[in-house]
PDB file of N, CA and C in Angstrom:
ATOM      1  N   MET A   1     -21.083 -69.999 -59.890  1.00  0.00           N
ATOM      2  CA  MET A   1     -21.800 -69.600 -61.077  1.00  0.00           C
ATOM      3  C   MET A   1     -22.936 -68.646 -60.714  1.00  0.00           C
ATOM      4  N   ARG A   2     -23.660 -69.007 -59.674  1.00  0.00           N
ATOM      5  CA  ARG A   2     -24.763 -68.173 -59.237  1.00  0.00           C
ATOM      6  C   ARG A   2     -24.268 -66.800 -58.797  1.00  0.00           C
ATOM      7  N   HIS A   3     -23.129 -66.780 -58.136  1.00  0.00           N
ATOM      8  CA  HIS A   3     -22.515 -65.539 -57.669  1.00  0.00           C
ATOM      9  C   HIS A   3     -22.156 -64.639 -58.858  1.00  0.00           C
ATOM     10  N   ARG A   4     -21.658 -65.249 -59.922  1.00  0.00           N
ATOM     11  CA  ARG A   4     -21.272 -64.504 -61.110  1.00  0.00           C
ATOM     12  C   ARG A   4     -22.503 -63.911 -61.797  1.00  0.00           C
ATOM     13  N   LEU A   5     -23.589 -64.618 -61.857  1.00  0.00           N
ATOM     14  CA  LEU A   5     -24.814 -64.101 -62.463  1.00  0.00           C
ATOM     15  C   LEU A   5     -25.375 -62.943 -61.647  1.00  0.00           C
ATOM     16  N   LEU A   6     -25.311 -63.078 -60.331  1.00  0.00           N
ATOM     17  CA  LEU A   6     -25.809 -62.022 -59.460  1.00  0.00           C
ATOM     18  C   LEU A   6     -24.985 -60.754 -59.656  1.00  0.00           C
ATOM     19  N   LEU A   7     -23.668 -60.911 -59.733  1.00  0.00           N
ATOM     20  CA  LEU A   7     -22.783 -59.780 -59.950  1.00  0.00           C
ATOM     21  C   LEU A   7     -23.056 -59.143 -61.307  1.00  0.00           C
ATOM     22  N   GLY A   8     -23.305 -59.937 -62.324  1.00  0.00           N
ATOM     23  CA  GLY A   8     -23.628 -59.422 -63.654  1.00  0.00           C
ATOM     24  C   GLY A   8     -24.933 -58.657 -63.653  1.00  0.00           C
ATOM     25  N   ALA A   9     -25.931 -59.159 -62.932  1.00  0.00           N
ATOM     26  CA  ALA A   9     -27.225 -58.489 -62.860  1.00  0.00           C
ATOM     27  C   ALA A   9     -27.109 -57.154 -62.143  1.00  0.00           C
ATOM     28  N   VAL A  10     -26.298 -57.126 -61.081  1.00  0.00           N
ATOM     29  CA  VAL A  10     -26.096 -55.870 -60.340  1.00  0.00           C
ATOM     30  C   VAL A  10     -25.389 -54.853 -61.229  1.00  0.00           C
ATOM     31  N   GLY A  11     -24.413 -55.297 -61.996  1.00  0.00           N
ATOM     32  CA  GLY A  11     -23.699 -54.410 -62.905  1.00  0.00           C
ATOM     33  C   GLY A  11     -24.607 -53.839 -63.973  1.00  0.00           C
ATOM     34  N   LEU A  12     -25.460 -54.703 -64.544  1.00  0.00           N
ATOM     35  CA  LEU A  12     -26.408 -54.230 -65.561  1.00  0.00           C
ATOM     36  C   LEU A  12     -27.388 -53.221 -64.976  1.00  0.00           C
ATOM     37  N   ALA A  13     -27.851 -53.478 -63.752  1.00  0.00           N
ATOM     38  CA  ALA A  13     -28.779 -52.553 -63.106  1.00  0.00           C
ATOM     39  C   ALA A  13     -28.105 -51.205 -62.862  1.00  0.00           C
ATOM     40  N   ALA A  14     -26.836 -51.228 -62.467  1.00  0.00           N
ATOM     41  CA  ALA A  14     -26.109 -49.977 -62.226  1.00  0.00           C
ATOM     42  C   ALA A  14     -25.943 -49.195 -63.527  1.00  0.00           C
ATOM     43  N   ILE A  15     -25.605 -49.880 -64.590  1.00  0.00           N
ATOM     44  CA  ILE A  15     -25.447 -49.216 -65.887  1.00  0.00           C
ATOM     45  C   ILE A  15     -26.773 -48.639 -66.358  1.00  0.00           C
ATOM     46  N   ALA A  16     -27.844 -49.432 -66.217  1.00  0.00           N
ATOM     47  CA  ALA A  16     -29.164 -48.975 -66.648  1.00  0.00           C
ATOM     48  C   ALA A  16     -29.600 -47.748 -65.856  1.00  0.00           C
ATOM     49  N   SER A  17     -29.353 -47.741 -64.551  1.00  0.00           N
ATOM     50  CA  SER A  17     -29.759 -46.579 -63.756  1.00  0.00           C
ATOM     51  C   SER A  17     -28.895 -45.370 -64.106  1.00  0.00           C
ATOM     52  N   GLY A  18     -27.623 -45.604 -64.429  1.00  0.00           N
ATOM     53  CA  GLY A  18     -26.760 -44.502 -64.853  1.00  0.00           C
ATOM     54  C   GLY A  18     -27.224 -43.899 -66.152  1.00  0.00           C
ATOM     55  N   VAL A  19     -27.610 -44.730 -67.099  1.00  0.00           N
ATOM     56  CA  VAL A  19     -28.111 -44.251 -68.385  1.00  0.00           C
ATOM     57  C   VAL A  19     -29.409 -43.494 -68.185  1.00  0.00           C
ATOM     58  N   LEU A  20     -30.285 -44.009 -67.338  1.00  0.00           N
ATOM     59  CA  LEU A  20     -31.550 -43.340 -67.057  1.00  0.00           C
ATOM     60  C   LEU A  20     -31.294 -41.984 -66.413  1.00  0.00           C
ATOM     61  N   PHE A  21     -30.386 -41.950 -65.456  1.00  0.00           N
ATOM     62  CA  PHE A  21     -30.051 -40.693 -64.789  1.00  0.00           C
ATOM     63  C   PHE A  21     -29.493 -39.687 -65.795  1.00  0.00           C
ATOM     64  N   TYR A  22     -28.630 -40.139 -66.693  1.00  0.00           N
ATOM     65  CA  TYR A  22     -28.053 -39.266 -67.707  1.00  0.00           C
ATOM     66  C   TYR A  22     -29.141 -38.703 -68.614  1.00  0.00           C
ATOM     67  N   MET A  23     -30.079 -39.538 -69.016  1.00  0.00           N
ATOM     68  CA  MET A  23     -31.146 -39.091 -69.903  1.00  0.00           C
ATOM     69  C   MET A  23     -32.024 -38.047 -69.229  1.00  0.00           C
ATOM     70  N   VAL A  24     -32.348 -38.277 -67.964  1.00  0.00           N
ATOM     71  CA  VAL A  24     -33.188 -37.327 -67.232  1.00  0.00           C
ATOM     72  C   VAL A  24     -32.431 -36.016 -67.021  1.00  0.00           C
ATOM     73  N   ALA A  25     -31.164 -36.118 -66.663  1.00  0.00           N
ATOM     74  CA  ALA A  25     -30.379 -34.915 -66.393  1.00  0.00           C
ATOM     75  C   ALA A  25     -30.206 -34.063 -67.644  1.00  0.00           C
ATOM     76  N   THR A  26     -29.907 -34.669 -68.765  1.00  0.00           N
ATOM     77  CA  THR A  26     -29.710 -33.887 -69.986  1.00  0.00           C
ATOM     78  C   THR A  26     -31.018 -33.333 -70.515  1.00  0.00           C
ATOM     79  N   GLU A  27     -32.110 -34.037 -70.271  1.00  0.00           N
ATOM     80  CA  GLU A  27     -33.395 -33.548 -70.748  1.00  0.00           C
ATOM     81  C   GLU A  27     -33.849 -32.346 -69.941  1.00  0.00           C
ATOM     82  N   THR A  28     -33.622 -32.338 -68.623  1.00  0.00           N
ATOM     83  CA  THR A  28     -34.086 -31.216 -67.813  1.00  0.00           C
ATOM     84  C   THR A  28     -33.161 -30.015 -67.930  1.00  0.00           C
ATOM     85  N   HIS A  29     -31.871 -30.235 -68.200  1.00  0.00           N
ATOM     86  CA  HIS A  29     -30.953 -29.112 -68.280  1.00  0.00           C
ATOM     87  C   HIS A  29     -30.752 -28.613 -69.694  1.00  0.00           C
ATOM     88  N   GLY A  30     -31.304 -29.292 -70.680  1.00  0.00           N
ATOM     89  CA  GLY A  30     -31.143 -28.873 -72.062  1.00  0.00           C
ATOM     90  C   GLY A  30     -31.665 -27.476 -72.326  1.00  0.00           C
ATOM     91  N   PRO A  31     -32.945 -27.167 -72.022  1.00  0.00           N
ATOM     92  CA  PRO A  31     -33.462 -25.824 -72.281  1.00  0.00           C
ATOM     93  C   PRO A  31     -32.728 -24.745 -71.487  1.00  0.00           C
ATOM     94  N   VAL A  32     -32.307 -25.055 -70.267  1.00  0.00           N
ATOM     95  CA  VAL A  32     -31.589 -24.067 -69.473  1.00  0.00           C
ATOM     96  C   VAL A  32     -30.271 -23.733 -70.144  1.00  0.00           C
ATOM     97  N   ASN A  33     -29.551 -24.758 -70.605  1.00  0.00           N
ATOM     98  CA  ASN A  33     -28.277 -24.515 -71.276  1.00  0.00           C
ATOM     99  C   ASN A  33     -28.475 -23.727 -72.566  1.00  0.00           C
ATOM    100  N   ASP A  34     -29.554 -24.007 -73.303  1.00  0.00           N
ATOM    101  CA  ASP A  34     -29.826 -23.258 -74.520  1.00  0.00           C
ATOM    102  C   ASP A  34     -30.094 -21.791 -74.206  1.00  0.00           C
ATOM    103  N   ALA A  35     -30.865 -21.533 -73.152  1.00  0.00           N
ATOM    104  CA  ALA A  35     -31.166 -20.158 -72.767  1.00  0.00           C
ATOM    105  C   ALA A  35     -29.900 -19.449 -72.312  1.00  0.00           C
ATOM    106  N   GLN A  36     -29.061 -20.156 -71.576  1.00  0.00           N
ATOM    107  CA  GLN A  36     -27.816 -19.549 -71.128  1.00  0.00           C
ATOM    108  C   GLN A  36     -26.907 -19.254 -72.321  1.00  0.00           C
ATOM    109  N   ALA A  37     -26.894 -20.152 -73.276  1.00  0.00           N
ATOM    110  CA  ALA A  37     -26.059 -19.943 -74.463  1.00  0.00           C
ATOM    111  C   ALA A  37     -26.550 -18.724 -75.242  1.00  0.00           C
ATOM    112  N   MET A  38     -27.864 -18.563 -75.364  1.00  0.00           N
ATOM    113  CA  MET A  38     -28.407 -17.413 -76.065  1.00  0.00           C
ATOM    114  C   MET A  38     -28.072 -16.127 -75.332  1.00  0.00           C
ATOM    115  N   ALA A  39     -28.149 -16.149 -73.996  1.00  0.00           N
ATOM    116  CA  ALA A  39     -27.846 -14.954 -73.217  1.00  0.00           C
ATOM    117  C   ALA A  39     -26.370 -14.594 -73.327  1.00  0.00           C
ATOM    118  N   SER A  40     -25.506 -15.600 -73.367  1.00  0.00           N
ATOM    119  CA  SER A  40     -24.084 -15.308 -73.440  1.00  0.00           C
ATOM    120  C   SER A  40     -23.690 -14.779 -74.814  1.00  0.00           C
ATOM    121  N   VAL A  41     -24.449 -15.111 -75.850  1.00  0.00           N
ATOM    122  CA  VAL A  41     -24.168 -14.598 -77.182  1.00  0.00           C
ATOM    123  C   VAL A  41     -24.472 -13.102 -77.223  1.00  0.00           C
ATOM    124  N   GLU A  42     -25.508 -12.678 -76.495  1.00  0.00           N
ATOM    125  CA  GLU A  42     -25.902 -11.281 -76.500  1.00  0.00           C
ATOM    126  C   GLU A  42     -24.876 -10.399 -75.795  1.00  0.00           C
ATOM    127  N   ARG A  43     -24.171 -10.946 -74.810  1.00  0.00           N
ATOM    128  CA  ARG A  43     -23.166 -10.180 -74.082  1.00  0.00           C
ATOM    129  C   ARG A  43     -21.850 -10.215 -74.832  1.00  0.00           C
ATOM    130  N   ARG A  44     -21.189  -9.084 -74.889  1.00  0.00           N
ATOM    131  CA  ARG A  44     -19.879  -9.025 -75.512  1.00  0.00           C
ATOM    132  C   ARG A  44     -18.816  -9.146 -74.429  1.00  0.00           C
ATOM    133  N   PRO A  45     -17.735  -9.834 -74.716  1.00  0.00           N
ATOM    134  CA  PRO A  45     -16.670  -9.924 -73.721  1.00  0.00           C
ATOM    135  C   PRO A  45     -16.034  -8.545 -73.519  1.00  0.00           C
ATOM    136  N   VAL A  46     -15.668  -8.274 -72.289  1.00  0.00           N
ATOM    137  CA  VAL A  46     -15.086  -6.989 -71.947  1.00  0.00           C
ATOM    138  C   VAL A  46     -13.577  -7.154 -71.844  1.00  0.00           C
ATOM    139  N   ASN A  47     -12.860  -6.372 -72.600  1.00  0.00           N
ATOM    140  CA  ASN A  47     -11.410  -6.384 -72.556  1.00  0.00           C
ATOM    141  C   ASN A  47     -10.983  -5.194 -71.702  1.00  0.00           C
ATOM    142  N   THR A  48     -10.785  -5.426 -70.405  1.00  0.00           N
ATOM    143  CA  THR A  48     -10.476  -4.337 -69.494  1.00  0.00           C
ATOM    144  C   THR A  48      -9.110  -3.726 -69.772  1.00  0.00           C
ATOM    145  N   SER A  49      -8.172  -4.503 -70.281  1.00  0.00           N
ATOM    146  CA  SER A  49      -6.852  -3.950 -70.595  1.00  0.00           C
ATOM    147  C   SER A  49      -6.958  -2.900 -71.699  1.00  0.00           C
ATOM    148  N   ALA A  50      -7.716  -3.207 -72.730  1.00  0.00           N
ATOM    149  CA  ALA A  50      -7.895  -2.254 -73.823  1.00  0.00           C
ATOM    150  C   ALA A  50      -8.659  -1.025 -73.343  1.00  0.00           C
ATOM    151  N   MET A  51      -9.651  -1.239 -72.484  1.00  0.00           N
ATOM    152  CA  MET A  51     -10.410  -0.108 -71.941  1.00  0.00           C
ATOM    153  C   MET A  51      -9.513   0.784 -71.092  1.00  0.00           C
ATOM    154  N   TYR A  52      -8.644   0.162 -70.287  1.00  0.00           N
ATOM    155  CA  TYR A  52      -7.730   0.927 -69.440  1.00  0.00           C
ATOM    156  C   TYR A  52      -6.784   1.765 -70.304  1.00  0.00           C
ATOM    157  N   LEU A  53      -6.194   1.143 -71.332  1.00  0.00           N
ATOM    158  CA  LEU A  53      -5.282   1.872 -72.208  1.00  0.00           C
ATOM    159  C   LEU A  53      -5.980   3.052 -72.888  1.00  0.00           C
ATOM    160  N   GLU A  54      -7.187   2.820 -73.352  1.00  0.00           N
ATOM    161  CA  GLU A  54      -7.946   3.879 -74.012  1.00  0.00           C
ATOM    162  C   GLU A  54      -8.259   5.015 -73.040  1.00  0.00           C
ATOM    163  N   GLN A  55      -8.667   4.639 -71.831  1.00  0.00           N
ATOM    164  CA  GLN A  55      -9.010   5.637 -70.820  1.00  0.00           C
ATOM    165  C   GLN A  55      -7.764   6.417 -70.390  1.00  0.00           C
ATOM    166  N   MET A  56      -6.643   5.733 -70.227  1.00  0.00           N
ATOM    167  CA  MET A  56      -5.411   6.407 -69.826  1.00  0.00           C
ATOM    168  C   MET A  56      -4.905   7.314 -70.937  1.00  0.00           C
ATOM    169  N   LYS A  57      -5.053   6.897 -72.179  1.00  0.00           N
ATOM    170  CA  LYS A  57      -4.648   7.738 -73.308  1.00  0.00           C
ATOM    171  C   LYS A  57      -5.479   9.012 -73.339  1.00  0.00           C
ATOM    172  N   LEU A  58      -6.776   8.885 -73.122  1.00  0.00           N
ATOM    173  CA  LEU A  58      -7.648  10.052 -73.063  1.00  0.00           C
ATOM    174  C   LEU A  58      -7.266  10.946 -71.885  1.00  0.00           C
ATOM    175  N   THR A  59      -6.902  10.344 -70.769  1.00  0.00           N
ATOM    176  CA  THR A  59      -6.452  11.100 -69.593  1.00  0.00           C
ATOM    177  C   THR A  59      -5.192  11.891 -69.935  1.00  0.00           C
ATOM    178  N   GLN A  60      -4.242  11.247 -70.608  1.00  0.00           N
ATOM    179  CA  GLN A  60      -3.005  11.927 -70.987  1.00  0.00           C
ATOM    180  C   GLN A  60      -3.288  13.080 -71.955  1.00  0.00           C
ATOM    181  N   GLU A  61      -4.165  12.844 -72.921  1.00  0.00           N
ATOM    182  CA  GLU A  61      -4.508  13.892 -73.875  1.00  0.00           C
ATOM    183  C   GLU A  61      -5.194  15.069 -73.186  1.00  0.00           C
ATOM    184  N   THR A  62      -6.081  14.775 -72.248  1.00  0.00           N
ATOM    185  CA  THR A  62      -6.796  15.826 -71.532  1.00  0.00           C
ATOM    186  C   THR A  62      -5.842  16.608 -70.642  1.00  0.00           C
ATOM    187  N   LEU A  63      -4.953  15.907 -69.957  1.00  0.00           N
ATOM    188  CA  LEU A  63      -3.960  16.600 -69.135  1.00  0.00           C
ATOM    189  C   LEU A  63      -3.114  17.540 -69.994  1.00  0.00           C
ATOM    190  N   ARG A  64      -2.697  17.080 -71.164  1.00  0.00           N
ATOM    191  CA  ARG A  64      -1.896  17.922 -72.064  1.00  0.00           C
ATOM    192  C   ARG A  64      -2.703  19.144 -72.511  1.00  0.00           C
ATOM    193  N   SER A  65      -3.999  18.949 -72.804  1.00  0.00           N
ATOM    194  CA  SER A  65      -4.825  20.085 -73.234  1.00  0.00           C
ATOM    195  C   SER A  65      -5.012  21.108 -72.115  1.00  0.00           C
ATOM    196  N   PHE A  66      -4.868  20.685 -70.864  1.00  0.00           N
ATOM    197  CA  PHE A  66      -4.965  21.592 -69.717  1.00  0.00           C
ATOM    198  C   PHE A  66      -3.613  22.210 -69.355  1.00  0.00           C
ATOM    199  N   GLY A  67      -2.565  21.876 -70.131  1.00  0.00           N
ATOM    200  CA  GLY A  67      -1.271  22.493 -69.912  1.00  0.00           C
ATOM    201  C   GLY A  67      -0.292  21.681 -69.086  1.00  0.00           C
ATOM    202  N   TYR A  68      -0.588  20.451 -68.815  1.00  0.00           N
ATOM    203  CA  TYR A  68       0.314  19.579 -68.058  1.00  0.00           C
ATOM    204  C   TYR A  68       1.142  18.752 -69.043  1.00  0.00           C
ATOM    205  N   ALA A  69       2.251  18.189 -68.550  1.00  0.00           N
ATOM    206  CA  ALA A  69       3.140  17.386 -69.402  1.00  0.00           C
ATOM    207  C   ALA A  69       3.086  15.926 -68.954  1.00  0.00           C
ATOM    208  N   PRO A  70       2.124  15.147 -69.511  1.00  0.00           N
ATOM    209  CA  PRO A  70       1.970  13.753 -69.062  1.00  0.00           C
ATOM    210  C   PRO A  70       2.891  12.755 -69.755  1.00  0.00           C
ATOM    211  N   GLY A  71       3.784  13.221 -70.624  1.00  0.00           N
ATOM    212  CA  GLY A  71       4.664  12.295 -71.335  1.00  0.00           C
ATOM    213  C   GLY A  71       4.005  11.781 -72.602  1.00  0.00           C
ATOM    214  N   ALA A  72       4.413  10.591 -73.008  1.00  0.00           N
ATOM    215  CA  ALA A  72       3.903   9.988 -74.250  1.00  0.00           C
ATOM    216  C   ALA A  72       2.399   9.741 -74.173  1.00  0.00           C
ATOM    217  N   MET A  73       1.737   9.943 -75.294  1.00  0.00           N
ATOM    218  CA  MET A  73       0.282   9.721 -75.383  1.00  0.00           C
ATOM    219  C   MET A  73       0.009   8.292 -75.828  1.00  0.00           C
ATOM    220  N   ASP A  74       0.439   7.327 -75.018  1.00  0.00           N
ATOM    221  CA  ASP A  74       0.326   5.928 -75.417  1.00  0.00           C
ATOM    222  C   ASP A  74      -0.563   5.092 -74.500  1.00  0.00           C
ATOM    223  N   GLY A  75      -1.141   5.711 -73.487  1.00  0.00           N
ATOM    224  CA  GLY A  75      -2.017   4.978 -72.582  1.00  0.00           C
ATOM    225  C   GLY A  75      -1.292   4.231 -71.479  1.00  0.00           C
ATOM    226  N   VAL A  76       0.019   4.394 -71.404  1.00  0.00           N
ATOM    227  CA  VAL A  76       0.805   3.702 -70.381  1.00  0.00           C
ATOM    228  C   VAL A  76       1.114   4.689 -69.256  1.00  0.00           C
ATOM    229  N   MET A  77       0.811   4.288 -68.038  1.00  0.00           N
ATOM    230  CA  MET A  77       1.066   5.128 -66.871  1.00  0.00           C
ATOM    231  C   MET A  77       2.560   5.092 -66.551  1.00  0.00           C
ATOM    232  N   ARG A  78       3.185   6.241 -66.719  1.00  0.00           N
ATOM    233  CA  ARG A  78       4.609   6.376 -66.416  1.00  0.00           C
ATOM    234  C   ARG A  78       4.791   7.490 -65.397  1.00  0.00           C
ATOM    235  N   PHE A  79       6.043   7.752 -65.044  1.00  0.00           N
ATOM    236  CA  PHE A  79       6.346   8.772 -64.057  1.00  0.00           C
ATOM    237  C   PHE A  79       5.781  10.129 -64.463  1.00  0.00           C
ATOM    238  N   GLU A  80       5.925  10.490 -65.733  1.00  0.00           N
ATOM    239  CA  GLU A  80       5.461  11.791 -66.204  1.00  0.00           C
ATOM    240  C   GLU A  80       3.937  11.934 -66.058  1.00  0.00           C
ATOM    241  N   THR A  81       3.220  10.862 -66.376  1.00  0.00           N
ATOM    242  CA  THR A  81       1.761  10.895 -66.263  1.00  0.00           C
ATOM    243  C   THR A  81       1.350  11.027 -64.804  1.00  0.00           C
ATOM    244  N   ALA A  82       2.001  10.273 -63.938  1.00  0.00           N
ATOM    245  CA  ALA A  82       1.691  10.352 -62.503  1.00  0.00           C
ATOM    246  C   ALA A  82       1.996  11.743 -61.956  1.00  0.00           C
ATOM    247  N   SER A  83       3.099  12.339 -62.405  1.00  0.00           N
ATOM    248  CA  SER A  83       3.455  13.696 -61.964  1.00  0.00           C
ATOM    249  C   SER A  83       2.415  14.708 -62.428  1.00  0.00           C
ATOM    250  N   ALA A  84       1.982  14.578 -63.679  1.00  0.00           N
ATOM    251  CA  ALA A  84       0.954  15.481 -64.207  1.00  0.00           C
ATOM    252  C   ALA A  84      -0.358  15.303 -63.441  1.00  0.00           C
ATOM    253  N   LEU A  85      -0.703  14.061 -63.127  1.00  0.00           N
ATOM    254  CA  LEU A  85      -1.925  13.814 -62.348  1.00  0.00           C
ATOM    255  C   LEU A  85      -1.820  14.427 -60.956  1.00  0.00           C
ATOM    256  N   ARG A  86      -0.656  14.289 -60.306  1.00  0.00           N
ATOM    257  CA  ARG A  86      -0.475  14.885 -58.969  1.00  0.00           C
ATOM    258  C   ARG A  86      -0.608  16.410 -59.022  1.00  0.00           C
ATOM    259  N   ALA A  87      -0.012  17.029 -60.035  1.00  0.00           N
ATOM    260  CA  ALA A  87      -0.112  18.483 -60.168  1.00  0.00           C
ATOM    261  C   ALA A  87      -1.566  18.899 -60.381  1.00  0.00           C
ATOM    262  N   PHE A  88      -2.269  18.182 -61.241  1.00  0.00           N
ATOM    263  CA  PHE A  88      -3.678  18.490 -61.491  1.00  0.00           C
ATOM    264  C   PHE A  88      -4.504  18.313 -60.215  1.00  0.00           C
ATOM    265  N   GLN A  89      -4.285  17.210 -59.516  1.00  0.00           N
ATOM    266  CA  GLN A  89      -5.025  16.948 -58.274  1.00  0.00           C
ATOM    267  C   GLN A  89      -4.752  18.039 -57.234  1.00  0.00           C
ATOM    268  N   ARG A  90      -3.510  18.464 -57.132  1.00  0.00           N
ATOM    269  CA  ARG A  90      -3.136  19.512 -56.169  1.00  0.00           C
ATOM    270  C   ARG A  90      -3.890  20.800 -56.488  1.00  0.00           C
ATOM    271  N   GLU A  91      -3.905  21.201 -57.756  1.00  0.00           N
ATOM    272  CA  GLU A  91      -4.557  22.449 -58.154  1.00  0.00           C
ATOM    273  C   GLU A  91      -6.078  22.380 -58.024  1.00  0.00           C
ATOM    274  N   GLN A  92      -6.637  21.180 -58.141  1.00  0.00           N
ATOM    275  CA  GLN A  92      -8.092  21.021 -58.056  1.00  0.00           C
ATOM    276  C   GLN A  92      -8.567  20.763 -56.624  1.00  0.00           C
ATOM    277  N   GLY A  93      -7.651  20.611 -55.697  1.00  0.00           N
ATOM    278  CA  GLY A  93      -8.024  20.345 -54.300  1.00  0.00           C
ATOM    279  C   GLY A  93      -8.468  18.912 -54.080  1.00  0.00           C
ATOM    280  N   LEU A  94      -8.003  18.009 -54.932  1.00  0.00           N
ATOM    281  CA  LEU A  94      -8.347  16.589 -54.795  1.00  0.00           C
ATOM    282  C   LEU A  94      -7.292  15.890 -53.955  1.00  0.00           C
ATOM    283  N   LYS A  95      -7.601  14.689 -53.523  1.00  0.00           N
ATOM    284  CA  LYS A  95      -6.616  13.877 -52.825  1.00  0.00           C
ATOM    285  C   LYS A  95      -5.482  13.569 -53.799  1.00  0.00           C
ATOM    286  N   ILE A  96      -4.252  13.846 -53.395  1.00  0.00           N
ATOM    287  CA  ILE A  96      -3.101  13.694 -54.286  1.00  0.00           C
ATOM    288  C   ILE A  96      -2.617  12.252 -54.238  1.00  0.00           C
ATOM    289  N   THR A  97      -2.909  11.517 -55.327  1.00  0.00           N
ATOM    290  CA  THR A  97      -2.534  10.100 -55.418  1.00  0.00           C
ATOM    291  C   THR A  97      -1.632   9.826 -56.620  1.00  0.00           C
ATOM    292  N   GLY A  98      -1.697  10.677 -57.628  1.00  0.00           N
ATOM    293  CA  GLY A  98      -0.956  10.412 -58.846  1.00  0.00           C
ATOM    294  C   GLY A  98      -1.577   9.307 -59.678  1.00  0.00           C
ATOM    295  N   GLN A  99      -2.813   8.973 -59.368  1.00  0.00           N
ATOM    296  CA  GLN A  99      -3.530   7.928 -60.098  1.00  0.00           C
ATOM    297  C   GLN A  99      -4.783   8.512 -60.739  1.00  0.00           C
ATOM    298  N   ALA A 100      -5.219   7.874 -61.795  1.00  0.00           N
ATOM    299  CA  ALA A 100      -6.437   8.300 -62.485  1.00  0.00           C
ATOM    300  C   ALA A 100      -7.639   7.640 -61.820  1.00  0.00           C
ATOM    301  N   ASN A 101      -7.909   8.050 -60.585  1.00  0.00           N
ATOM    302  CA  ASN A 101      -9.037   7.477 -59.843  1.00  0.00           C
ATOM    303  C   ASN A 101     -10.347   8.122 -60.318  1.00  0.00           C
ATOM    304  N   PRO A 102     -11.492   7.572 -59.913  1.00  0.00           N
ATOM    305  CA  PRO A 102     -12.771   8.096 -60.405  1.00  0.00           C
ATOM    306  C   PRO A 102     -12.975   9.592 -60.150  1.00  0.00           C
ATOM    307  N   GLU A 103     -12.534  10.095 -59.003  1.00  0.00           N
ATOM    308  CA  GLU A 103     -12.712  11.516 -58.694  1.00  0.00           C
ATOM    309  C   GLU A 103     -11.875  12.390 -59.636  1.00  0.00           C
ATOM    310  N   THR A 104     -10.649  11.970 -59.901  1.00  0.00           N
ATOM    311  CA  THR A 104      -9.779  12.727 -60.799  1.00  0.00           C
ATOM    312  C   THR A 104     -10.317  12.709 -62.222  1.00  0.00           C
ATOM    313  N   LEU A 105     -10.780  11.538 -62.658  1.00  0.00           N
ATOM    314  CA  LEU A 105     -11.354  11.456 -64.008  1.00  0.00           C
ATOM    315  C   LEU A 105     -12.572  12.359 -64.135  1.00  0.00           C
ATOM    316  N   ALA A 106     -13.400  12.400 -63.101  1.00  0.00           N
ATOM    317  CA  ALA A 106     -14.580  13.265 -63.126  1.00  0.00           C
ATOM    318  C   ALA A 106     -14.162  14.729 -63.208  1.00  0.00           C
ATOM    319  N   ALA A 107     -13.126  15.117 -62.467  1.00  0.00           N
ATOM    320  CA  ALA A 107     -12.639  16.499 -62.510  1.00  0.00           C
ATOM    321  C   ALA A 107     -12.056  16.836 -63.883  1.00  0.00           C
ATOM    322  N   LEU A 108     -11.480  15.843 -64.557  1.00  0.00           N
ATOM    323  CA  LEU A 108     -10.956  16.036 -65.911  1.00  0.00           C
ATOM    324  C   LEU A 108     -12.072  16.047 -66.953  1.00  0.00           C
ATOM    325  N   GLY A 109     -13.271  15.615 -66.564  1.00  0.00           N
ATOM    326  CA  GLY A 109     -14.393  15.541 -67.497  1.00  0.00           C
ATOM    327  C   GLY A 109     -14.375  14.282 -68.332  1.00  0.00           C
ATOM    328  N   ILE A 110     -13.767  13.227 -67.780  1.00  0.00           N
ATOM    329  CA  ILE A 110     -13.655  11.957 -68.492  1.00  0.00           C
ATOM    330  C   ILE A 110     -14.583  10.937 -67.852  1.00  0.00           C
ATOM    331  N   GLU A 111     -15.322  10.224 -68.693  1.00  0.00           N
ATOM    332  CA  GLU A 111     -16.181   9.153 -68.191  1.00  0.00           C
ATOM    333  C   GLU A 111     -15.309   7.989 -67.754  1.00  0.00           C
ATOM    334  N   ASP A 112     -15.567   7.498 -66.552  1.00  0.00           N
ATOM    335  CA  ASP A 112     -14.812   6.362 -66.020  1.00  0.00           C
ATOM    336  C   ASP A 112     -15.418   5.091 -66.581  1.00  0.00           C
ATOM    337  N   ARG A 113     -14.832   4.567 -67.637  1.00  0.00           N
ATOM    338  CA  ARG A 113     -15.377   3.389 -68.306  1.00  0.00           C
ATOM    339  C   ARG A 113     -15.104   2.102 -67.554  1.00  0.00           C
ATOM    340  N   LEU A 114     -14.108   2.095 -66.698  1.00  0.00           N
ATOM    341  CA  LEU A 114     -13.795   0.879 -65.946  1.00  0.00           C
ATOM    342  C   LEU A 114     -14.762   0.685 -64.796  1.00  0.00           C
ATOM    343  N   TYR A 115     -15.199   1.767 -64.175  1.00  0.00           N
ATOM    344  CA  TYR A 115     -16.130   1.670 -63.050  1.00  0.00           C
ATOM    345  C   TYR A 115     -17.541   2.091 -63.433  1.00  0.00           C
ATOM    346  N   ARG A 116     -17.733   2.439 -64.704  1.00  0.00           N
ATOM    347  CA  ARG A 116     -19.052   2.810 -65.243  1.00  0.00           C
ATOM    348  C   ARG A 116     -19.655   4.022 -64.542  1.00  0.00           C
ATOM    349  N   ARG A 117     -18.806   4.958 -64.169  1.00  0.00           N
ATOM    350  CA  ARG A 117     -19.321   6.183 -63.552  1.00  0.00           C
ATOM    351  C   ARG A 117     -19.250   7.303 -64.562  1.00  0.00           C
ATOM    352  N   PRO A 118     -20.417   7.848 -64.939  1.00  0.00           N
ATOM    353  CA  PRO A 118     -20.388   8.962 -65.890  1.00  0.00           C
ATOM    354  C   PRO A 118     -19.793  10.199 -65.240  1.00  0.00           C
ATOM    355  N   ARG A 119     -19.291  11.091 -66.077  1.00  0.00           N
ATOM    356  CA  ARG A 119     -18.688  12.317 -65.539  1.00  0.00           C
ATOM    357  C   ARG A 119     -19.714  13.255 -65.001  1.00  0.00           C
TER     358      ARG A 119
END
């Protein structure tokens, strides 16, 4: 009987200390979580896929305006777009990659929105 009471007292003490710990933890982290929540509301989520499509579409349109044939103006990198980029890079003396890298975008006069590099 005495053993059972001792075990019950230890259990109650453990629960009480857990509740106390929970109260202290939530009280000290409450303002921090509120501040973090406010900061996260101010930031807008970035949809990099949409940004890439928009940037590639602008790249295709710009290549076409310079006389290259980048294919469909849909923002999707296809063989025709890569070929047009390689031709443009060759004529501009850039490294020939067939990709819309930051240097190529700058030569096209396009702001690199994915890497935040202005033209």
